[in-house]
Amino acid sequence: MTTPTTDPNPTPGDRKRAGMAVRAWKDNDLDMVGLVAAEARETGRGFHLYAALLTELVEVLHLRDSPEASALLDQAIARYAAEEQARLDAEDQEEDADDE
């Protein structure tokens, strides 16, 4: 097995795998998503698959060149954090009710 590195620069092969993973996800082909991830791990490129997916997102969302896009992402992160906290609070309340 190749020694994994955390070089943040994905190769064309990493970006190919990222594209395949996105297409498989879109098609709800979870087996293919797993195969792509396994191939990346087996070749020591698991981190690079992640880096390639993030690179694609940054490019597609124009995050490097659009302060407005970055602000929208920040708003989404805050919204998801609040929604997750509400979900966790609801779970805690359910557990407390079950304990009574």
N, C-alpha and C. Protein backbone atom coordinates (compact mmCIF):
# COMPACT_ATOMS: atom_id res chain seq x y z
N MET A 1 0.84 -1.18 0.00
CA MET A 1 0.00 0.00 0.00
C MET A 1 0.89 1.24 0.00
N THR A 2 0.48 2.23 -0.75
CA THR A 2 1.20 3.49 -0.81
C THR A 2 1.02 4.24 0.50
N THR A 3 2.07 4.91 0.95
CA THR A 3 1.96 5.69 2.18
C THR A 3 1.11 6.92 1.93
N PRO A 4 0.02 7.10 2.68
CA PRO A 4 -0.82 8.27 2.48
C PRO A 4 -0.12 9.55 2.91
N THR A 5 -0.43 10.63 2.21
CA THR A 5 0.09 11.94 2.58
C THR A 5 -1.10 12.89 2.69
N THR A 6 -0.84 14.05 3.23
CA THR A 6 -1.89 15.05 3.33
C THR A 6 -1.64 16.21 2.37
N ASP A 7 -0.94 15.92 1.26
CA ASP A 7 -0.75 16.92 0.21
C ASP A 7 -2.13 17.35 -0.28
N PRO A 8 -2.46 18.64 -0.18
CA PRO A 8 -3.81 19.08 -0.52
C PRO A 8 -4.06 19.23 -2.02
N ASN A 9 -3.10 18.83 -2.84
CA ASN A 9 -3.24 19.01 -4.29
C ASN A 9 -3.64 17.70 -4.96
N PRO A 10 -4.93 17.56 -5.29
CA PRO A 10 -5.37 16.33 -5.93
C PRO A 10 -4.83 16.21 -7.35
N THR A 11 -4.53 14.98 -7.74
CA THR A 11 -4.07 14.70 -9.10
C THR A 11 -5.30 14.55 -10.01
N PRO A 12 -5.07 14.50 -11.33
CA PRO A 12 -6.22 14.24 -12.22
C PRO A 12 -6.94 12.92 -11.87
N GLY A 13 -6.19 11.92 -11.42
CA GLY A 13 -6.83 10.67 -11.00
C GLY A 13 -7.72 10.85 -9.79
N ASP A 14 -7.29 11.66 -8.85
CA ASP A 14 -8.10 11.96 -7.67
C ASP A 14 -9.39 12.68 -8.09
N ARG A 15 -9.24 13.62 -9.01
CA ARG A 15 -10.40 14.38 -9.46
C ARG A 15 -11.34 13.50 -10.28
N LYS A 16 -10.79 12.54 -11.01
CA LYS A 16 -11.62 11.57 -11.73
C LYS A 16 -12.46 10.78 -10.75
N ARG A 17 -11.80 10.27 -9.69
CA ARG A 17 -12.53 9.51 -8.67
C ARG A 17 -13.59 10.39 -8.01
N ALA A 18 -13.25 11.65 -7.75
CA ALA A 18 -14.23 12.56 -7.14
C ALA A 18 -15.44 12.72 -8.06
N GLY A 19 -15.19 12.90 -9.35
CA GLY A 19 -16.30 13.01 -10.30
C GLY A 19 -17.14 11.75 -10.33
N MET A 20 -16.48 10.60 -10.31
CA MET A 20 -17.22 9.33 -10.29
C MET A 20 -18.06 9.21 -9.03
N ALA A 21 -17.51 9.63 -7.89
CA ALA A 21 -18.24 9.55 -6.63
C ALA A 21 -19.45 10.47 -6.65
N VAL A 22 -19.28 11.68 -7.18
CA VAL A 22 -20.41 12.61 -7.26
C VAL A 22 -21.50 12.06 -8.17
N ARG A 23 -21.11 11.55 -9.33
CA ARG A 23 -22.10 10.97 -10.25
C ARG A 23 -22.81 9.79 -9.60
N ALA A 24 -22.06 8.93 -8.93
CA ALA A 24 -22.68 7.77 -8.27
C ALA A 24 -23.63 8.23 -7.17
N TRP A 25 -23.24 9.24 -6.42
CA TRP A 25 -24.10 9.76 -5.35
C TRP A 25 -25.39 10.31 -5.96
N LYS A 26 -25.25 11.06 -7.06
CA LYS A 26 -26.42 11.62 -7.74
C LYS A 26 -27.37 10.51 -8.18
N ASP A 27 -26.80 9.42 -8.65
CA ASP A 27 -27.60 8.30 -9.13
C ASP A 27 -28.02 7.34 -8.01
N ASN A 28 -27.68 7.67 -6.78
CA ASN A 28 -27.97 6.83 -5.61
C ASN A 28 -27.32 5.45 -5.74
N ASP A 29 -26.15 5.42 -6.37
CA ASP A 29 -25.40 4.18 -6.54
C ASP A 29 -24.37 4.09 -5.42
N LEU A 30 -24.85 3.73 -4.23
CA LEU A 30 -23.99 3.72 -3.06
C LEU A 30 -22.90 2.66 -3.15
N ASP A 31 -23.14 1.59 -3.88
CA ASP A 31 -22.09 0.59 -4.08
C ASP A 31 -20.90 1.20 -4.82
N MET A 32 -21.18 2.00 -5.85
CA MET A 32 -20.10 2.64 -6.61
C MET A 32 -19.37 3.66 -5.74
N VAL A 33 -20.11 4.39 -4.92
CA VAL A 33 -19.46 5.34 -4.01
C VAL A 33 -18.48 4.58 -3.12
N GLY A 34 -18.90 3.45 -2.60
CA GLY A 34 -18.03 2.63 -1.76
C GLY A 34 -16.83 2.10 -2.52
N LEU A 35 -17.03 1.70 -3.76
CA LEU A 35 -15.91 1.19 -4.57
C LEU A 35 -14.89 2.30 -4.86
N VAL A 36 -15.38 3.48 -5.19
CA VAL A 36 -14.47 4.61 -5.44
C VAL A 36 -13.68 4.94 -4.18
N ALA A 37 -14.36 4.98 -3.05
CA ALA A 37 -13.68 5.28 -1.78
C ALA A 37 -12.66 4.19 -1.45
N ALA A 38 -13.03 2.93 -1.70
CA ALA A 38 -12.11 1.82 -1.42
C ALA A 38 -10.87 1.90 -2.31
N GLU A 39 -11.07 2.21 -3.58
CA GLU A 39 -9.93 2.34 -4.49
C GLU A 39 -8.99 3.45 -4.02
N ALA A 40 -9.58 4.57 -3.61
CA ALA A 40 -8.75 5.68 -3.13
C ALA A 40 -7.96 5.26 -1.90
N ARG A 41 -8.60 4.56 -0.96
CA ARG A 41 -7.90 4.11 0.25
C ARG A 41 -6.80 3.10 -0.09
N GLU A 42 -7.11 2.15 -1.00
CA GLU A 42 -6.15 1.11 -1.34
C GLU A 42 -4.90 1.68 -2.00
N THR A 43 -5.04 2.78 -2.69
CA THR A 43 -3.89 3.39 -3.35
C THR A 43 -3.27 4.49 -2.50
N GLY A 44 -3.71 4.60 -1.23
CA GLY A 44 -3.17 5.62 -0.35
C GLY A 44 -3.63 7.01 -0.70
N ARG A 45 -4.78 7.12 -1.39
CA ARG A 45 -5.26 8.41 -1.87
C ARG A 45 -6.59 8.79 -1.23
N GLY A 46 -6.90 8.23 -0.07
CA GLY A 46 -8.17 8.54 0.60
C GLY A 46 -8.31 10.02 0.93
N PHE A 47 -7.26 10.60 1.49
CA PHE A 47 -7.29 12.03 1.80
C PHE A 47 -7.43 12.84 0.52
N HIS A 48 -6.79 12.37 -0.53
CA HIS A 48 -6.80 13.10 -1.80
C HIS A 48 -8.18 13.07 -2.46
N LEU A 49 -8.92 11.98 -2.25
CA LEU A 49 -10.30 11.95 -2.75
C LEU A 49 -11.11 13.04 -2.06
N TYR A 50 -10.93 13.14 -0.77
CA TYR A 50 -11.61 14.18 0.01
C TYR A 50 -11.18 15.56 -0.49
N ALA A 51 -9.87 15.74 -0.70
CA ALA A 51 -9.35 17.02 -1.20
C ALA A 51 -9.92 17.33 -2.58
N ALA A 52 -10.03 16.32 -3.43
CA ALA A 52 -10.58 16.53 -4.78
C ALA A 52 -12.05 16.92 -4.72
N LEU A 53 -12.82 16.27 -3.84
CA LEU A 53 -14.23 16.64 -3.68
C LEU A 53 -14.36 18.08 -3.20
N LEU A 54 -13.54 18.46 -2.24
CA LEU A 54 -13.59 19.83 -1.72
C LEU A 54 -13.14 20.83 -2.78
N THR A 55 -12.13 20.47 -3.56
CA THR A 55 -11.67 21.34 -4.64
C THR A 55 -12.79 21.60 -5.64
N GLU A 56 -13.50 20.53 -6.01
CA GLU A 56 -14.61 20.68 -6.94
C GLU A 56 -15.69 21.59 -6.36
N LEU A 57 -16.02 21.40 -5.09
CA LEU A 57 -17.03 22.24 -4.45
C LEU A 57 -16.63 23.71 -4.43
N VAL A 58 -15.39 23.97 -4.05
CA VAL A 58 -14.92 25.35 -3.99
C VAL A 58 -15.01 26.00 -5.37
N GLU A 59 -14.65 25.23 -6.41
CA GLU A 59 -14.72 25.78 -7.76
C GLU A 59 -16.16 25.98 -8.22
N VAL A 60 -17.00 24.98 -8.03
CA VAL A 60 -18.39 25.06 -8.49
C VAL A 60 -19.16 26.16 -7.77
N LEU A 61 -18.89 26.32 -6.49
CA LEU A 61 -19.58 27.34 -5.70
C LEU A 61 -18.92 28.72 -5.76
N HIS A 62 -17.81 28.81 -6.49
CA HIS A 62 -17.09 30.09 -6.67
C HIS A 62 -16.70 30.72 -5.32
N LEU A 63 -16.25 29.88 -4.41
CA LEU A 63 -15.95 30.37 -3.07
C LEU A 63 -14.68 31.21 -3.00
N ARG A 64 -13.74 30.99 -3.89
CA ARG A 64 -12.49 31.76 -3.85
C ARG A 64 -12.68 33.18 -4.37
N ASP A 65 -13.62 33.37 -5.30
CA ASP A 65 -13.73 34.67 -5.95
C ASP A 65 -15.04 35.39 -5.68
N SER A 66 -15.84 34.89 -4.74
CA SER A 66 -17.13 35.52 -4.48
C SER A 66 -17.38 35.63 -2.98
N PRO A 67 -17.22 36.83 -2.45
CA PRO A 67 -17.53 37.02 -1.02
C PRO A 67 -18.99 36.69 -0.71
N GLU A 68 -19.87 36.92 -1.66
CA GLU A 68 -21.30 36.61 -1.45
C GLU A 68 -21.49 35.10 -1.29
N ALA A 69 -20.81 34.31 -2.12
CA ALA A 69 -20.92 32.85 -2.01
C ALA A 69 -20.36 32.37 -0.68
N SER A 70 -19.26 32.96 -0.25
CA SER A 70 -18.68 32.59 1.05
C SER A 70 -19.64 32.95 2.19
N ALA A 71 -20.29 34.09 2.08
CA ALA A 71 -21.25 34.50 3.12
C ALA A 71 -22.43 33.54 3.16
N LEU A 72 -22.90 33.09 1.99
CA LEU A 72 -23.99 32.11 1.95
C LEU A 72 -23.57 30.80 2.61
N LEU A 73 -22.33 30.38 2.36
CA LEU A 73 -21.83 29.16 3.00
C LEU A 73 -21.78 29.33 4.51
N ASP A 74 -21.29 30.48 4.97
CA ASP A 74 -21.24 30.74 6.41
C ASP A 74 -22.65 30.70 7.03
N GLN A 75 -23.63 31.27 6.32
CA GLN A 75 -25.01 31.24 6.81
C GLN A 75 -25.53 29.81 6.88
N ALA A 76 -25.21 29.01 5.85
CA ALA A 76 -25.65 27.62 5.85
C ALA A 76 -25.02 26.85 7.00
N ILE A 77 -23.74 27.07 7.25
CA ILE A 77 -23.06 26.40 8.36
C ILE A 77 -23.74 26.75 9.68
N ALA A 78 -24.04 28.01 9.88
CA ALA A 78 -24.71 28.43 11.12
C ALA A 78 -26.09 27.80 11.23
N ARG A 79 -26.83 27.74 10.12
CA ARG A 79 -28.16 27.13 10.13
C ARG A 79 -28.07 25.64 10.46
N TYR A 80 -27.11 24.94 9.82
CA TYR A 80 -26.95 23.51 10.09
C TYR A 80 -26.54 23.26 11.54
N ALA A 81 -25.70 24.13 12.09
CA ALA A 81 -25.28 23.99 13.48
C ALA A 81 -26.48 24.14 14.41
N ALA A 82 -27.34 25.12 14.12
CA ALA A 82 -28.54 25.32 14.95
C ALA A 82 -29.50 24.15 14.81
N GLU A 83 -29.66 23.65 13.59
CA GLU A 83 -30.55 22.50 13.37
C GLU A 83 -30.02 21.26 14.07
N GLU A 84 -28.71 21.07 14.03
CA GLU A 84 -28.11 19.91 14.70
C GLU A 84 -28.27 20.02 16.21
N GLN A 85 -28.09 21.22 16.75
CA GLN A 85 -28.26 21.41 18.19
C GLN A 85 -29.71 21.13 18.59
N ALA A 86 -30.65 21.57 17.78
CA ALA A 86 -32.07 21.30 18.05
C ALA A 86 -32.35 19.80 18.01
N ARG A 87 -31.74 19.10 17.05
CA ARG A 87 -31.92 17.64 16.97
C ARG A 87 -31.36 16.96 18.20
N LEU A 88 -30.17 17.38 18.63
CA LEU A 88 -29.56 16.77 19.82
C LEU A 88 -30.37 17.08 21.07
N ASP A 89 -30.87 18.30 21.18
CA ASP A 89 -31.71 18.66 22.33
C ASP A 89 -32.97 17.81 22.37
N ALA A 90 -33.59 17.59 21.20
CA ALA A 90 -34.80 16.77 21.14
C ALA A 90 -34.49 15.33 21.54
N GLU A 91 -33.35 14.81 21.12
CA GLU A 91 -32.95 13.45 21.52
C GLU A 91 -32.77 13.37 23.02
N ASP A 92 -32.12 14.40 23.59
CA ASP A 92 -31.92 14.42 25.05
C ASP A 92 -33.26 14.43 25.78
N GLN A 93 -34.21 15.21 25.27
CA GLN A 93 -35.53 15.27 25.90
C GLN A 93 -36.24 13.93 25.81
N GLU A 94 -36.11 13.25 24.68
CA GLU A 94 -36.72 11.92 24.52
C GLU A 94 -36.10 10.94 25.50
N GLU A 95 -34.77 10.99 25.64
CA GLU A 95 -34.10 10.09 26.58
C GLU A 95 -34.51 10.37 28.01
N ASP A 96 -34.64 11.64 28.34
CA ASP A 96 -35.07 12.01 29.69
C ASP A 96 -36.51 11.51 29.96
N ALA A 97 -37.36 11.63 28.95
CA ALA A 97 -38.75 11.17 29.10
C ALA A 97 -38.79 9.65 29.25
N ASP A 98 -37.91 8.93 28.54
CA ASP A 98 -37.86 7.47 28.64
C ASP A 98 -37.35 7.03 30.01
N ASP A 99 -36.49 7.83 30.62
CA ASP A 99 -35.92 7.49 31.92
C ASP A 99 -36.92 7.69 33.06
N GLU A 100 -37.96 8.46 32.83
CA GLU A 100 -38.92 8.74 33.91
C GLU A 100 -39.90 7.65 34.09
